Amino acid sequence: MEARYSHTIKYRHSTIAIHTLELARRIELFEQQDTIGLKSTHLLFTAVGTYLRRLGRPLDARMLCKLMVKLSRWSNDSEKHLKEELRILGRVSFELVKYDEAEHCFEEAVKLYKQQDGEGHIKMAHALQDLAKVRQNNPKYMDDKTSQKNVEQLLLKILKMTPDFHKEDENKYTITYALHQLGRFYQDTGDFDKAHKYFRQSLDEIKSGPLVHVQHVDIAIVSTNLARNYLLRDDGRDLKAALELLESAWTIKKEKMPKTNVSYQLG
């Protein structure tokens, strides 16, 4: 019964997505004056765009996300939505390896959060994390020592912002992700001792919070990178520890991720 209900829900979601894509393709052809009556349509595009991204259809998701950003720019009362929509578009662009487009979205989102919410707001930290992630993966930053140092300073700045967020369980994600990002940075630059330190701290943070009870996919992500760290280093390589972490991560991915997800496919 549960399986049939789940299949029905997925079918309904897919049907909604198909109709939304068709609607979006028509609206794409509109001029600004033709969209006056479409004030809340971008909220639908946000929801369906996010659904398609998670389903492994980033090109369709990007089309919807670009449209929702355009509609928000045209609508005077949609400024509060624009910063979040820019972050969603940036994430889709990042997944399509359009790093310059993603960086532009995140930079604009950071400016809007700073103007509207203030430097120390948790959403500002999230936007900075997005910006750091795209720069961390962009060769034009990581292949240059000076730019590489700037990325490190940005990551350390984010970590310094997190103590106030640590007070509430729902904000633990921010600090666990900040620690994980630093682990990734040091792993990519060959400092495996520092990478191990930050990956381990990130995993400990997750396991001391509410996410451990639901076997959250973040546990799998950090575990995979910690296992990779054990395998990459020349000294202190621990195959047994790496295998245990990878087996644990794979169990969570099978349960929590759709089969179309790239991380699921790669194991």
Protein backbone atom coordinates (compact mmCIF):
# COMPACT_ATOMS: atom_id res chain seq x y z
CA MET A 1 0.00 0.00 0.00
CA GLU A 2 2.82 2.38 0.97
CA ALA A 3 4.71 1.65 -2.26
CA ARG A 4 1.58 2.34 -4.35
CA TYR A 5 0.97 5.61 -2.48
CA SER A 6 4.61 6.65 -3.00
CA HIS A 7 4.35 5.85 -6.73
CA THR A 8 1.15 7.94 -6.99
CA ILE A 9 2.83 10.91 -5.29
CA LYS A 10 5.86 10.69 -7.62
CA TYR A 11 3.57 10.46 -10.66
CA ARG A 12 1.63 13.55 -9.54
CA HIS A 13 4.87 15.48 -8.97
CA SER A 14 6.15 14.47 -12.41
CA THR A 15 2.87 15.53 -14.05
CA ILE A 16 3.00 18.92 -12.31
CA ALA A 17 6.62 19.33 -13.42
CA ILE A 18 5.75 18.58 -17.08
CA HIS A 19 2.89 21.11 -17.11
CA THR A 20 5.03 23.71 -15.32
CA LEU A 21 7.81 23.33 -17.90
CA GLU A 22 5.30 23.81 -20.70
CA LEU A 23 3.92 26.93 -18.98
CA ALA A 24 7.42 28.29 -18.40
CA ARG A 25 8.41 27.89 -22.05
CA ARG A 26 5.42 30.01 -23.04
CA ILE A 27 6.13 32.67 -20.39
CA GLU A 28 9.76 32.86 -21.56
CA LEU A 29 8.47 34.56 -24.71
CA PHE A 30 6.59 37.26 -22.75
CA GLU A 31 7.67 40.88 -22.48
CA GLN A 32 7.77 42.55 -19.06
CA GLN A 33 4.37 44.24 -19.47
CA ASP A 34 2.78 40.84 -20.16
CA THR A 35 3.79 39.44 -16.76
CA ILE A 36 1.89 41.85 -14.51
CA GLY A 37 -0.65 39.16 -13.58
CA LEU A 38 1.99 36.55 -12.83
CA LYS A 39 3.13 37.83 -9.43
CA SER A 40 3.25 34.50 -7.64
CA THR A 41 4.13 32.25 -10.59
CA HIS A 42 7.85 32.41 -9.80
CA LEU A 43 7.13 30.58 -6.50
CA LEU A 44 5.83 27.63 -8.54
CA PHE A 45 8.96 27.73 -10.72
CA THR A 46 11.12 27.76 -7.58
CA ALA A 47 9.44 24.65 -6.20
CA VAL A 48 9.43 22.71 -9.47
CA GLY A 49 12.96 23.84 -10.36
CA THR A 50 14.21 22.52 -7.01
CA TYR A 51 12.31 19.25 -7.58
CA LEU A 52 13.82 18.78 -11.05
CA ARG A 53 17.31 19.57 -9.76
CA ARG A 54 17.01 16.87 -7.12
CA LEU A 55 15.59 14.51 -9.71
CA GLY A 56 18.74 14.87 -11.82
CA ARG A 57 17.35 17.12 -14.57
CA PRO A 58 19.54 20.21 -14.17
CA LEU A 59 18.97 21.67 -17.66
CA ASP A 60 15.20 21.86 -17.14
CA ALA A 61 15.79 23.13 -13.61
CA ARG A 62 18.10 25.87 -14.91
CA MET A 63 15.54 27.06 -17.45
CA LEU A 64 12.91 27.41 -14.69
CA CYS A 65 15.36 29.02 -12.27
CA LYS A 66 16.48 31.62 -14.83
CA LEU A 67 12.86 32.44 -15.55
CA MET A 68 11.94 32.85 -11.88
CA VAL A 69 14.90 35.23 -11.37
CA LYS A 70 13.79 37.28 -14.39
CA LEU A 71 10.21 37.48 -13.09
CA SER A 72 11.45 38.56 -9.65
CA ARG A 73 13.53 41.33 -11.22
CA TRP A 74 10.46 42.53 -13.10
CA SER A 75 8.20 42.44 -10.04
CA ASN A 76 8.77 45.33 -7.62
CA ASP A 77 7.48 43.42 -4.59
CA SER A 78 9.62 40.30 -5.14
CA GLU A 79 12.99 41.56 -3.88
CA LYS A 80 12.78 39.36 -0.79
CA HIS A 81 12.55 36.27 -3.04
CA LEU A 82 15.33 37.28 -5.45
CA LYS A 83 18.28 36.48 -3.18
CA GLU A 84 17.03 32.94 -2.52
CA GLU A 85 16.23 32.39 -6.19
CA LEU A 86 19.72 33.56 -7.18
CA ARG A 87 21.17 30.95 -4.81
CA ILE A 88 19.04 28.18 -6.36
CA LEU A 89 20.03 29.25 -9.89
CA GLY A 90 23.65 29.42 -8.78
CA ARG A 91 23.52 25.86 -7.46
CA VAL A 92 22.04 24.53 -10.69
CA SER A 93 24.66 26.42 -12.72
CA PHE A 94 27.38 25.01 -10.46
CA GLU A 95 26.14 21.46 -11.06
CA LEU A 96 26.30 22.13 -14.80
CA VAL A 97 29.92 23.31 -14.35
CA LYS A 98 28.96 26.86 -15.34
CA TYR A 99 31.20 28.30 -12.64
CA ASP A 100 31.27 31.93 -13.79
CA GLU A 101 27.46 32.05 -14.02
CA ALA A 102 27.16 30.44 -10.58
CA GLU A 103 29.68 32.84 -9.05
CA HIS A 104 27.82 35.85 -10.46
CA CYS A 105 24.54 34.58 -8.88
CA PHE A 106 26.16 33.99 -5.49
CA GLU A 107 27.97 37.34 -5.48
CA GLU A 108 24.69 39.16 -6.13
CA ALA A 109 22.92 37.08 -3.44
CA VAL A 110 25.66 37.96 -0.91
CA LYS A 111 25.20 41.70 -1.65
CA LEU A 112 21.42 41.43 -1.21
CA TYR A 113 21.71 39.55 2.09
CA LYS A 114 24.22 42.09 3.37
CA GLN A 115 21.91 44.98 2.44
CA GLN A 116 18.67 43.43 3.69
CA ASP A 117 19.66 41.14 6.59
CA GLY A 118 23.06 42.32 7.81
CA GLU A 119 26.59 40.90 7.85
CA GLY A 120 26.03 38.47 10.73
CA HIS A 121 22.78 36.87 9.60
CA ILE A 122 22.75 33.09 9.16
CA LYS A 123 21.45 33.44 5.59
CA MET A 124 24.45 35.64 4.83
CA ALA A 125 26.69 32.78 6.01
CA HIS A 126 24.81 30.37 3.71
CA ALA A 127 25.29 32.66 0.71
CA LEU A 128 29.01 33.01 1.49
CA GLN A 129 29.26 29.21 1.70
CA ASP A 130 27.76 28.96 -1.78
CA LEU A 131 30.25 31.53 -3.09
CA ALA A 132 33.19 29.76 -1.43
CA LYS A 133 32.11 26.41 -2.87
CA VAL A 134 32.05 27.61 -6.48
CA ARG A 135 35.43 29.34 -6.13
CA GLN A 136 36.82 26.24 -4.43
CA ASN A 137 35.90 24.15 -7.48
CA ASN A 138 36.92 26.69 -10.12
CA PRO A 139 40.46 26.04 -11.46
CA LYS A 140 41.03 29.76 -12.04
CA TYR A 141 41.04 30.20 -8.24
CA MET A 142 42.61 26.96 -7.07
CA ASP A 143 45.45 26.96 -9.65
CA ASP A 144 46.69 30.35 -8.49
CA LYS A 145 48.36 30.63 -5.05
CA THR A 146 47.07 34.14 -4.31
CA SER A 147 43.49 33.31 -5.30
CA GLN A 148 43.78 30.03 -3.38
CA LYS A 149 44.70 31.99 -0.25
CA ASN A 150 41.68 34.25 -0.76
CA VAL A 151 39.41 31.18 -0.87
CA GLU A 152 40.97 29.92 2.37
CA GLN A 153 40.39 33.30 4.06
CA LEU A 154 36.75 33.30 2.94
CA LEU A 155 36.24 29.80 4.38
CA LEU A 156 37.85 30.79 7.69
CA LYS A 157 35.68 33.93 7.79
CA ILE A 158 32.54 31.79 7.45
CA LEU A 159 33.70 29.49 10.27
CA LYS A 160 34.22 32.52 12.55
CA MET A 161 30.61 33.58 11.88
CA THR A 162 29.15 30.29 13.09
CA PRO A 163 29.41 30.27 16.94
CA ASP A 164 26.18 32.25 17.37
CA PHE A 165 24.33 29.83 15.07
CA HIS A 166 25.56 26.88 17.13
CA LYS A 167 23.02 27.54 19.90
CA GLU A 168 20.09 26.02 18.02
CA ASP A 169 19.91 22.49 16.62
CA GLU A 170 18.37 23.58 13.31
CA ASN A 171 21.40 25.78 12.65
CA LYS A 172 23.98 23.03 13.23
CA TYR A 173 24.08 22.41 9.49
CA THR A 174 25.82 25.76 9.00
CA ILE A 175 28.79 24.90 11.19
CA THR A 176 29.05 21.28 9.99
CA TYR A 177 29.13 22.51 6.39
CA ALA A 178 31.70 25.22 7.21
CA LEU A 179 33.98 22.57 8.74
CA HIS A 180 33.42 20.23 5.79
CA GLN A 181 34.27 22.99 3.29
CA LEU A 182 37.56 23.65 5.05
CA GLY A 183 38.29 19.91 5.02
CA ARG A 184 37.70 19.84 1.27
CA PHE A 185 39.93 22.87 0.74
CA TYR A 186 42.86 21.38 2.64
CA GLN A 187 42.38 18.00 0.96
CA ASP A 188 42.47 19.66 -2.46
CA THR A 189 45.66 21.55 -1.53
CA GLY A 190 47.37 18.43 -0.16
CA ASP A 191 47.30 19.28 3.57
CA PHE A 192 45.77 15.97 4.65
CA ASP A 193 46.33 16.49 8.39
CA LYS A 194 44.25 19.68 8.41
CA ALA A 195 41.70 18.05 6.11
CA HIS A 196 41.34 15.12 8.54
CA LYS A 197 40.91 17.52 11.46
CA TYR A 198 38.06 19.45 9.84
CA PHE A 199 36.29 16.39 8.35
CA ARG A 200 36.38 14.70 11.75
CA GLN A 201 35.04 17.83 13.48
CA SER A 202 32.26 18.09 10.88
CA LEU A 203 31.26 14.45 11.37
CA ASP A 204 31.32 14.85 15.16
CA GLU A 205 29.08 17.91 14.90
CA ILE A 206 26.55 16.01 12.78
CA LYS A 207 26.56 13.04 15.11
CA SER A 208 26.02 15.25 18.17
CA GLY A 209 22.91 16.84 16.63
CA PRO A 210 19.45 15.81 15.41
CA LEU A 211 20.61 14.72 11.93
CA VAL A 212 22.23 11.52 13.23
CA HIS A 213 18.82 10.09 14.17
CA VAL A 214 17.59 10.24 10.57
CA GLN A 215 20.86 9.06 8.98
CA HIS A 216 21.05 12.32 7.04
CA VAL A 217 22.78 12.30 3.66
CA ASP A 218 25.35 14.82 4.99
CA ILE A 219 26.77 11.99 7.11
CA ALA A 220 27.38 10.07 3.87
CA ILE A 221 28.99 13.06 2.16
CA VAL A 222 31.43 13.84 4.99
CA SER A 223 32.17 10.13 5.53
CA THR A 224 33.01 9.73 1.82
CA ASN A 225 35.46 12.65 1.89
CA LEU A 226 37.05 11.48 5.13
CA ALA A 227 37.52 8.03 3.55
CA ARG A 228 39.07 9.69 0.50
CA ASN A 229 41.47 11.49 2.81
CA TYR A 230 42.63 8.18 4.29
CA LEU A 231 43.29 6.89 0.77
CA LEU A 232 45.05 9.97 -0.64
CA ARG A 233 47.73 10.42 1.98
CA ASP A 234 51.10 8.70 1.54
CA ASP A 235 51.71 8.36 5.28
CA GLY A 236 49.10 6.95 7.66
CA ARG A 237 46.97 5.46 4.88
CA ASP A 238 44.24 3.40 6.56
CA LEU A 239 42.37 1.15 4.12
CA LYS A 240 40.25 -0.49 6.82
CA ALA A 241 38.98 2.84 8.18
CA ALA A 242 38.30 4.08 4.62
CA LEU A 243 36.32 0.96 3.74
CA GLU A 244 34.16 1.20 6.87
CA LEU A 245 33.35 4.84 6.13
CA LEU A 246 32.52 4.11 2.48
CA GLU A 247 30.25 1.19 3.38
CA SER A 248 28.40 3.36 5.91
CA ALA A 249 28.05 6.19 3.34
CA TRP A 250 26.78 3.85 0.62
CA THR A 251 24.07 2.46 2.94
CA ILE A 252 22.75 5.98 3.58
CA LYS A 253 22.94 6.99 -0.10
CA LYS A 254 20.92 3.95 -1.20
CA GLU A 255 18.21 4.86 1.28
CA LYS A 256 18.12 8.64 0.90
CA MET A 257 19.19 9.54 -2.66
CA PRO A 258 17.36 9.04 -5.96
CA LYS A 259 19.19 6.75 -8.39
CA THR A 260 19.53 9.65 -10.84
CA ASN A 261 21.72 11.57 -8.36
CA VAL A 262 25.36 11.75 -9.47
CA SER A 263 26.67 11.06 -5.96
CA TYR A 264 24.50 7.93 -5.77
CA GLN A 265 25.75 6.71 -9.14
CA LEU A 266 29.39 7.22 -8.17
CA GLY A 267 28.89 5.49 -4.84
